[in-house]
Amino acid sequence: MQPEPETTLARRTLTLLALITAGEAAFFLPFLLARVFRPTVLDVFGLTNLELGTAYGIYGIVAMFAYLCGGPLADRFGARNMLIIALVTTALGGVVLLTIPTLSTLVFLYAWWGITTIALFWAPLIKATREWGGELSQGAAFGLLDGGRGLLAAVTGSIMVAVFAMMLPVDPETATLPQRTAALRQIILILLSITAGTGVLLWFALPATRNKQTGTRPQLSLRGIAHVYSLPAVWLQAFIILCAYVGFRSIDDFSLYANEVLELNEVDAAQLGTVSLWVRPVAAILAGYLADRIGAGRMTLTSFALIAAGSATLASGYIGAGMYVFFLLTIVCASLGIFALRGLYFAIMKEGRIPLAFTGSAVGFVSLIGYTPDVFMGPLMGYLLDRSPGAAGHQQVFWVVTIFAVTGLVASLMFQRVSRSAPD
């Protein structure tokens, strides 16, 4: 007997909501915390921008190996168990973070998170989403995934800023370092609780993955993996992700830019930093649905153009103290392109004719190349910001972003050409 349509819809909705929640909760501790509260994190942990960037770089180095390991594992094992283990072990890292560790311990912690959020988590998440989307709704699937993740990040980030502000004096400028440390610890505790709780949600929401034909787990094929690695579309997709991810990593600088260039206090700068998070759900979902209608390749071109325009404006030096509205409009423009791409760059797998059965392996390979900004962007941003304090360092950061955005636009044109000529 076939299940009722309402039951199927409810199950699909629950599955997608669980994937969305897990997809963002896994990165709350490694990234959202410093993205929203970067000035406070630097002071409380006693870090320079370069030192924090180095921790990010170690995460990226570990992730490079983790992508290759995690991809085939995702093709071999079901998503539910891998995702649950990943979330619980990531939350355990938050317990260490509560101690306000030294730089050496923090670097080790980011290496740990490189394993838990990538080897155990990333490829299973992407493969489960691609399976959820089916043949006709890849753009919608990945647009909803990243848009939903963006909405969750925006809500969480805004709530965390409000909680943080409540725990400080009425005038945040008068807060002492111990007061700011205590407030930041509460934020860390909330985020690690959400991460661990999401693992419980996945246990009930996700079914165990089985091969539809045999009822057994899918088997790995080295020949199939090698074939996927040889596809030109896979290489171009990897390069598109690399250029797009440089743009994504640049949003870590928005709140610090507001603090140092626009001269806003830490709370106001953090609030401005969450604006880009609110753009994410709109941009990703809209881009995903448009991709199913006009093609994901065309949408990537538009998205890279928006990033180039926004980052070039930030790099120009035109924006200075008091130009709040103009800065806001500029980061909205850049964020539209950045987050539209996050809803697109795995949706283009179908256009590139990458076999569904080897999605995990393809994700592992393109991620190995595409997420190399996790290795170099953190240290590079830290170096530029520390070498040229104030507006000059921020301008240099966004010139780098502009160059990668233009390069990504060229790579997108090449991907379209290759996809048209690829055999069905």
Protein backbone atom coordinates (compact mmCIF):
# COMPACT_ATOMS: atom_id res chain seq x y z
CA MET A 1 0.00 0.00 0.00
CA GLN A 2 1.35 3.42 -0.99
CA PRO A 3 1.71 6.08 1.72
CA GLU A 4 -0.76 8.94 1.71
CA PRO A 5 0.45 12.07 -0.14
CA GLU A 6 0.06 14.09 3.06
CA THR A 7 2.28 11.62 4.92
CA THR A 8 4.93 11.75 2.20
CA LEU A 9 4.85 15.55 2.16
CA ALA A 10 5.12 15.70 5.94
CA ARG A 11 8.07 13.31 5.93
CA ARG A 12 9.84 15.24 3.15
CA THR A 13 9.25 18.52 4.96
CA LEU A 14 10.58 17.12 8.24
CA THR A 15 13.61 15.67 6.49
CA LEU A 16 14.44 18.99 4.81
CA LEU A 17 13.98 20.94 8.05
CA ALA A 18 16.30 18.53 9.84
CA LEU A 19 18.94 18.87 7.12
CA ILE A 20 18.67 22.66 7.23
CA THR A 21 19.04 22.76 11.02
CA ALA A 22 21.97 20.36 11.01
CA GLY A 23 23.60 22.12 8.08
CA GLU A 24 23.93 25.35 10.03
CA ALA A 25 24.21 24.14 13.63
CA ALA A 26 27.41 22.23 12.79
CA PHE A 27 29.15 25.52 12.01
CA PHE A 28 27.84 27.72 14.83
CA LEU A 29 30.84 27.18 17.07
CA PRO A 30 33.66 27.21 14.49
CA PHE A 31 32.39 30.17 12.46
CA LEU A 32 29.21 31.97 13.53
CA LEU A 33 30.64 32.93 16.91
CA ALA A 34 33.67 34.77 15.50
CA ARG A 35 31.74 36.09 12.49
CA VAL A 36 29.23 37.97 14.64
CA PHE A 37 31.42 38.75 17.66
CA ARG A 38 34.85 39.06 16.04
CA PRO A 39 36.06 42.16 17.98
CA THR A 40 34.96 40.58 21.27
CA VAL A 41 36.47 37.18 20.43
CA LEU A 42 39.82 38.82 19.63
CA ASP A 43 39.88 40.66 22.97
CA VAL A 44 38.58 37.84 25.19
CA PHE A 45 40.91 35.21 23.73
CA GLY A 46 43.79 37.70 23.48
CA LEU A 47 44.27 37.11 19.74
CA THR A 48 45.46 39.13 16.79
CA ASN A 49 43.66 38.87 13.47
CA LEU A 50 46.54 36.78 12.14
CA GLU A 51 46.37 34.34 15.08
CA LEU A 52 42.64 33.82 14.62
CA GLY A 53 43.23 33.46 10.89
CA THR A 54 45.88 30.83 11.63
CA ALA A 55 43.34 28.78 13.59
CA TYR A 56 41.01 29.01 10.60
CA GLY A 57 43.90 27.98 8.36
CA ILE A 58 44.57 24.84 10.41
CA TYR A 59 40.88 24.00 10.13
CA GLY A 60 41.17 24.36 6.37
CA ILE A 61 44.28 22.17 6.11
CA VAL A 62 42.63 19.37 8.06
CA ALA A 63 39.47 19.83 6.01
CA MET A 64 41.38 19.26 2.77
CA PHE A 65 42.16 15.69 3.81
CA ALA A 66 38.75 15.27 5.42
CA TYR A 67 36.90 16.09 2.18
CA LEU A 68 38.57 13.23 0.30
CA CYS A 69 37.92 10.78 3.13
CA GLY A 70 34.39 11.94 3.82
CA GLY A 71 33.19 11.83 0.20
CA PRO A 72 33.53 8.06 -0.37
CA LEU A 73 32.29 7.40 3.18
CA ALA A 74 29.09 9.26 2.33
CA ASP A 75 28.60 6.94 -0.66
CA ARG A 76 29.12 3.93 1.60
CA PHE A 77 27.24 4.75 4.82
CA GLY A 78 23.89 6.30 5.62
CA ALA A 79 23.63 10.01 6.35
CA ARG A 80 21.81 9.81 9.67
CA ASN A 81 24.49 8.18 11.81
CA MET A 82 27.32 10.17 10.27
CA LEU A 83 25.52 13.48 10.79
CA ILE A 84 24.59 12.68 14.40
CA ILE A 85 28.14 11.69 15.33
CA ALA A 86 29.44 14.84 13.65
CA LEU A 87 27.13 17.14 15.62
CA VAL A 88 27.80 15.55 19.00
CA THR A 89 31.57 15.63 18.55
CA THR A 90 31.42 19.22 17.34
CA ALA A 91 29.44 20.20 20.44
CA LEU A 92 32.12 18.58 22.63
CA GLY A 93 34.57 21.05 21.15
CA GLY A 94 32.36 23.82 22.49
CA VAL A 95 33.02 22.56 26.02
CA VAL A 96 36.72 23.20 25.42
CA LEU A 97 35.94 26.65 24.04
CA LEU A 98 34.15 27.54 27.27
CA THR A 99 37.50 27.42 29.09
CA ILE A 100 38.82 30.31 26.94
CA PRO A 101 41.81 28.21 25.86
CA THR A 102 45.26 29.36 24.83
CA LEU A 103 46.14 29.84 21.16
CA SER A 104 47.79 26.41 20.91
CA THR A 105 44.69 24.69 22.30
CA LEU A 106 42.45 26.79 20.07
CA VAL A 107 44.44 25.69 17.01
CA PHE A 108 44.03 22.04 18.06
CA LEU A 109 40.30 22.65 18.57
CA TYR A 110 39.89 24.00 15.05
CA ALA A 111 41.75 20.95 13.72
CA TRP A 112 39.25 18.79 15.62
CA TRP A 113 36.37 20.70 14.10
CA GLY A 114 37.93 20.19 10.67
CA ILE A 115 37.37 16.47 11.18
CA THR A 116 33.93 16.58 12.80
CA THR A 117 32.32 19.11 10.45
CA ILE A 118 33.89 17.87 7.21
CA ALA A 119 34.93 14.19 7.24
CA LEU A 120 31.81 13.13 9.12
CA PHE A 121 29.35 15.78 8.02
CA TRP A 122 29.71 17.69 4.77
CA ALA A 123 29.39 15.08 2.00
CA PRO A 124 26.51 13.23 3.75
CA LEU A 125 24.64 16.53 4.02
CA ILE A 126 25.07 17.38 0.32
CA LYS A 127 24.24 13.86 -0.89
CA ALA A 128 21.09 13.70 1.26
CA THR A 129 19.99 17.06 -0.14
CA ARG A 130 20.61 16.02 -3.74
CA GLU A 131 18.56 12.86 -3.18
CA TRP A 132 15.79 14.95 -1.63
CA GLY A 133 15.69 17.21 -4.71
CA GLY A 134 15.32 14.40 -7.25
CA GLU A 135 15.59 15.01 -10.98
CA LEU A 136 13.60 18.22 -11.31
CA SER A 137 14.22 20.26 -8.18
CA GLN A 138 17.97 20.46 -7.63
CA GLY A 139 17.95 24.26 -7.57
CA ALA A 140 15.04 24.33 -5.15
CA ALA A 141 16.62 21.67 -2.92
CA PHE A 142 19.94 23.43 -2.52
CA GLY A 143 18.33 26.87 -2.48
CA LEU A 144 16.05 25.81 0.36
CA LEU A 145 18.95 24.15 2.16
CA ASP A 146 21.18 27.19 2.12
CA GLY A 147 18.33 29.67 2.42
CA GLY A 148 17.01 27.80 5.41
CA ARG A 149 20.50 27.63 6.88
CA GLY A 150 20.81 31.35 6.31
CA LEU A 151 17.52 32.10 8.03
CA LEU A 152 18.56 29.96 10.98
CA ALA A 153 21.93 31.69 11.16
CA ALA A 154 20.32 35.14 10.97
CA VAL A 155 17.78 34.37 13.68
CA THR A 156 20.40 32.74 15.88
CA GLY A 157 22.92 35.52 15.31
CA SER A 158 20.39 38.24 16.09
CA ILE A 159 19.22 36.47 19.24
CA MET A 160 22.81 35.96 20.36
CA VAL A 161 23.56 39.66 19.86
CA ALA A 162 20.49 40.55 21.95
CA VAL A 163 21.52 38.12 24.71
CA PHE A 164 25.08 39.44 24.62
CA ALA A 165 23.86 43.05 24.90
CA MET A 166 21.58 42.16 27.84
CA MET A 167 24.54 40.80 29.77
CA LEU A 168 26.60 43.98 29.37
CA PRO A 169 26.12 47.42 30.96
CA VAL A 170 23.67 49.81 29.27
CA ASP A 171 26.65 51.49 27.65
CA PRO A 172 28.65 48.61 26.10
CA GLU A 173 31.75 50.83 25.93
CA THR A 174 32.02 50.67 29.74
CA ALA A 175 32.03 46.85 29.90
CA THR A 176 35.12 45.35 31.49
CA LEU A 177 36.98 42.39 30.01
CA PRO A 178 35.62 39.99 32.70
CA GLN A 179 32.06 41.13 31.92
CA ARG A 180 32.56 40.59 28.20
CA THR A 181 34.19 37.21 28.84
CA ALA A 182 31.24 36.06 30.97
CA ALA A 183 28.78 37.20 28.30
CA LEU A 184 30.70 35.43 25.55
CA ARG A 185 30.78 32.21 27.60
CA GLN A 186 26.99 32.27 27.78
CA ILE A 187 26.82 32.59 24.00
CA ILE A 188 29.17 29.62 23.58
CA LEU A 189 27.07 27.53 25.99
CA ILE A 190 23.88 28.28 24.07
CA LEU A 191 25.47 27.43 20.72
CA LEU A 192 26.94 24.12 21.87
CA SER A 193 23.55 23.13 23.35
CA ILE A 194 21.84 23.85 20.02
CA THR A 195 24.47 21.81 18.18
CA ALA A 196 24.08 18.78 20.42
CA GLY A 197 20.28 19.07 20.44
CA THR A 198 20.20 18.99 16.66
CA GLY A 199 21.79 15.54 16.78
CA VAL A 200 18.78 14.32 18.73
CA LEU A 201 16.44 15.84 16.12
CA LEU A 202 18.21 13.98 13.32
CA TRP A 203 17.72 10.64 15.03
CA PHE A 204 13.96 11.00 14.70
CA ALA A 205 13.78 12.95 11.44
CA LEU A 206 16.14 11.11 9.08
CA PRO A 207 15.62 7.54 7.84
CA ALA A 208 18.55 5.17 7.47
CA THR A 209 19.84 5.29 3.87
CA ARG A 210 19.61 2.05 1.91
CA ASN A 211 20.08 1.17 -1.72
CA LYS A 212 16.63 1.23 -3.37
CA GLN A 213 17.26 -1.81 -5.54
CA THR A 214 18.99 -4.20 -3.17
CA GLY A 215 18.04 -2.92 0.26
CA THR A 216 21.72 -2.82 1.22
CA ARG A 217 24.23 -0.06 1.63
CA PRO A 218 25.74 1.17 -1.67
CA GLN A 219 29.19 -0.20 -2.58
CA LEU A 220 32.18 1.89 -3.58
CA SER A 221 33.65 1.61 -7.09
CA LEU A 222 37.17 2.93 -7.61
CA ARG A 223 36.57 3.04 -11.36
CA GLY A 224 33.45 5.13 -10.86
CA ILE A 225 35.25 7.48 -8.48
CA ALA A 226 38.14 7.90 -10.96
CA HIS A 227 35.64 8.66 -13.75
CA VAL A 228 34.02 11.39 -11.66
CA TYR A 229 37.42 12.91 -10.89
CA SER A 230 38.21 13.07 -14.62
CA LEU A 231 35.14 15.08 -15.66
CA PRO A 232 35.96 18.66 -16.81
CA ALA A 233 32.70 19.86 -15.27
CA VAL A 234 33.85 18.62 -11.86
CA TRP A 235 37.08 20.61 -12.10
CA LEU A 236 35.28 23.76 -13.20
CA GLN A 237 32.68 23.35 -10.47
CA ALA A 238 35.51 23.10 -7.95
CA PHE A 239 36.99 26.35 -9.22
CA ILE A 240 33.60 28.09 -9.15
CA ILE A 241 33.21 27.06 -5.50
CA LEU A 242 36.72 28.30 -4.70
CA CYS A 243 36.00 31.78 -6.10
CA ALA A 244 32.58 31.91 -4.46
CA TYR A 245 33.95 30.79 -1.11
CA VAL A 246 36.53 33.58 -1.08
CA GLY A 247 33.55 35.93 -1.17
CA PHE A 248 31.82 34.02 1.60
CA ARG A 249 34.84 34.16 3.89
CA SER A 250 34.99 37.93 3.39
CA ILE A 251 31.77 38.41 5.37
CA ASP A 252 33.87 37.66 8.47
CA ASP A 253 35.26 41.17 7.98
CA PHE A 254 31.94 43.04 7.85
CA SER A 255 31.55 43.62 11.60
CA LEU A 256 35.23 44.52 12.06
CA TYR A 257 35.01 46.90 9.07
CA ALA A 258 32.03 48.59 10.74
CA ASN A 259 33.91 48.82 14.04
CA GLU A 260 37.21 50.15 12.67
CA VAL A 261 36.17 52.18 9.61
CA LEU A 262 32.64 53.34 10.41
CA GLU A 263 33.69 53.70 14.09
CA LEU A 264 30.67 51.85 15.52
CA ASN A 265 30.81 50.25 18.98
CA GLU A 266 31.04 46.45 19.31
CA VAL A 267 27.30 45.84 19.75
CA ASP A 268 26.30 48.08 16.81
CA ALA A 269 29.04 46.53 14.66
CA ALA A 270 27.82 43.03 15.56
CA GLN A 271 24.26 44.01 14.67
CA LEU A 272 25.43 45.32 11.30
CA GLY A 273 27.37 42.08 10.81
CA THR A 274 24.14 40.11 11.08
CA VAL A 275 22.58 42.02 8.15
CA SER A 276 24.33 39.78 5.63
CA LEU A 277 22.95 36.76 7.47
CA TRP A 278 19.42 38.02 6.82
CA VAL A 279 20.17 38.43 3.11
CA ARG A 280 21.19 34.78 2.88
CA PRO A 281 17.76 33.07 3.00
CA VAL A 282 16.26 35.45 0.43
CA ALA A 283 19.20 35.19 -1.96
CA ALA A 284 19.69 31.42 -1.74
CA ILE A 285 16.03 30.43 -2.05
CA LEU A 286 15.32 32.88 -4.89
CA ALA A 287 18.46 31.82 -6.76
CA GLY A 288 17.57 28.15 -6.33
CA TYR A 289 14.09 28.51 -7.79
CA LEU A 290 15.33 30.70 -10.64
CA ALA A 291 18.03 28.12 -11.37
CA ASP A 292 15.38 25.43 -11.98
CA ARG A 293 13.77 27.73 -14.54
CA ILE A 294 16.59 29.53 -16.37
CA GLY A 295 19.58 27.38 -15.45
CA ALA A 296 21.99 27.36 -12.52
CA GLY A 297 24.88 28.32 -14.81
CA ARG A 298 23.27 31.63 -15.77
CA MET A 299 22.51 32.43 -12.17
CA THR A 300 26.14 31.92 -11.16
CA LEU A 301 27.17 34.59 -13.68
CA THR A 302 24.78 37.13 -12.18
CA SER A 303 25.88 36.25 -8.66
CA PHE A 304 29.58 36.74 -9.36
CA ALA A 305 28.79 40.11 -10.96
CA LEU A 306 27.04 41.25 -7.76
CA ILE A 307 29.99 40.16 -5.61
CA ALA A 308 32.44 41.98 -7.87
CA ALA A 309 30.37 45.20 -7.70
CA GLY A 310 29.95 45.13 -3.92
CA SER A 311 33.51 44.15 -3.04
CA ALA A 312 35.00 46.67 -5.47
CA THR A 313 33.00 49.41 -3.75
CA LEU A 314 34.29 48.33 -0.33
CA ALA A 315 37.82 48.20 -1.73
CA SER A 316 37.61 51.65 -3.31
CA GLY A 317 38.07 53.55 -0.05
CA TYR A 318 34.97 55.63 -0.68
CA ILE A 319 33.17 54.40 2.44
CA GLY A 320 34.23 56.09 5.67
CA ALA A 321 33.02 57.05 9.15
CA GLY A 322 29.35 57.94 9.32
CA MET A 323 28.44 56.36 5.96
CA TYR A 324 26.23 53.76 7.61
CA VAL A 325 23.49 53.58 4.97
CA PHE A 326 25.87 53.37 2.02
CA PHE A 327 27.89 50.65 3.75
CA LEU A 328 24.67 48.76 4.50
CA LEU A 329 23.55 48.90 0.85
CA THR A 330 26.98 47.76 -0.32
CA ILE A 331 27.16 44.70 1.92
CA VAL A 332 23.59 43.80 0.92
CA CYS A 333 24.64 43.88 -2.75
CA ALA A 334 27.70 41.71 -2.13
CA SER A 335 25.75 39.37 0.14
CA LEU A 336 23.08 38.79 -2.50
CA GLY A 337 25.75 37.39 -4.81
CA ILE A 338 27.62 35.51 -2.09
CA PHE A 339 24.59 33.69 -0.76
CA ALA A 340 22.94 33.12 -4.12
CA LEU A 341 26.07 31.17 -5.05
CA ARG A 342 25.84 29.10 -1.88
CA GLY A 343 22.43 27.96 -3.08
CA LEU A 344 23.77 27.24 -6.56
CA TYR A 345 27.22 25.73 -6.55
CA PHE A 346 26.09 22.20 -5.74
CA ALA A 347 22.87 22.53 -7.76
CA ILE A 348 25.00 22.76 -10.93
CA MET A 349 26.05 19.12 -10.47
CA LYS A 350 23.03 18.04 -12.50
CA GLU A 351 23.92 20.40 -15.36
CA GLY A 352 27.44 18.97 -15.28
CA ARG A 353 25.96 15.42 -15.58
CA ILE A 354 27.69 14.09 -12.46
CA PRO A 355 26.32 10.61 -11.56
CA LEU A 356 24.02 10.61 -8.53
CA ALA A 357 25.52 7.37 -7.16
CA PHE A 358 28.91 9.07 -6.81
CA THR A 359 27.67 12.36 -5.42
CA GLY A 360 29.64 11.94 -2.20
CA SER A 361 32.89 11.30 -4.05
CA ALA A 362 32.29 14.27 -6.36
CA VAL A 363 31.45 16.50 -3.38
CA GLY A 364 34.63 15.39 -1.63
CA PHE A 365 36.77 16.20 -4.66
CA VAL A 366 35.25 19.58 -5.56
CA SER A 367 35.26 20.54 -1.89
CA LEU A 368 38.95 19.67 -1.60
CA ILE A 369 39.69 22.35 -4.18
CA GLY A 370 36.73 24.64 -3.67
CA TYR A 371 37.15 25.16 0.06
CA THR A 372 40.88 25.90 0.01
CA PRO A 373 39.98 29.47 1.10
CA ASP A 374 39.54 27.86 4.53
CA VAL A 375 43.31 27.41 4.40
CA PHE A 376 44.47 30.73 2.99
CA MET A 377 41.75 33.35 3.46
CA GLY A 378 41.86 33.46 7.26
CA PRO A 379 45.64 33.96 7.47
CA LEU A 380 45.61 36.29 4.44
CA MET A 381 42.87 38.49 5.88
CA GLY A 382 44.61 38.54 9.25
CA TYR A 383 47.94 39.47 7.66
CA LEU A 384 46.44 42.27 5.56
CA LEU A 385 44.44 43.70 8.46
CA ASP A 386 47.37 43.59 10.90
CA ARG A 387 49.90 44.92 8.38
CA SER A 388 47.71 47.89 7.40
CA PRO A 389 45.54 48.83 10.40
CA GLY A 390 42.33 50.71 9.74
CA ALA A 391 40.66 51.31 6.40
CA ALA A 392 43.68 50.36 4.25
CA GLY A 393 43.74 46.74 5.43
CA HIS A 394 40.02 46.29 4.79
CA GLN A 395 40.36 47.75 1.31
CA GLN A 396 43.12 45.27 0.49
CA VAL A 397 40.94 42.39 1.68
CA PHE A 398 38.11 43.37 -0.65
CA TRP A 399 40.40 43.90 -3.65
CA VAL A 400 41.32 40.22 -3.23
CA VAL A 401 37.61 39.34 -3.18
CA THR A 402 36.98 41.41 -6.32
CA ILE A 403 39.71 39.59 -8.26
CA PHE A 404 38.32 36.18 -7.32
CA ALA A 405 34.77 37.25 -8.20
CA VAL A 406 35.83 38.23 -11.73
CA THR A 407 37.75 34.95 -12.06
CA GLY A 408 34.67 33.02 -10.93
CA LEU A 409 32.60 34.73 -13.59
CA VAL A 410 35.02 33.48 -16.25
CA ALA A 411 34.95 29.95 -14.79
CA SER A 412 31.14 29.99 -14.90
CA LEU A 413 31.19 30.84 -18.61
CA MET A 414 33.54 27.90 -19.22
CA PHE A 415 31.32 25.57 -17.16
CA GLN A 416 28.31 26.45 -19.31
CA ARG A 417 30.25 25.68 -22.48
CA VAL A 418 31.52 22.32 -21.16
CA SER A 419 28.06 21.31 -19.87
CA ARG A 420 26.45 21.93 -23.26
CA SER A 421 28.97 19.68 -25.01
CA ALA A 422 28.95 16.86 -22.41
CA PRO A 423 27.14 13.62 -23.42
CA ASP A 424 23.91 12.76 -21.63
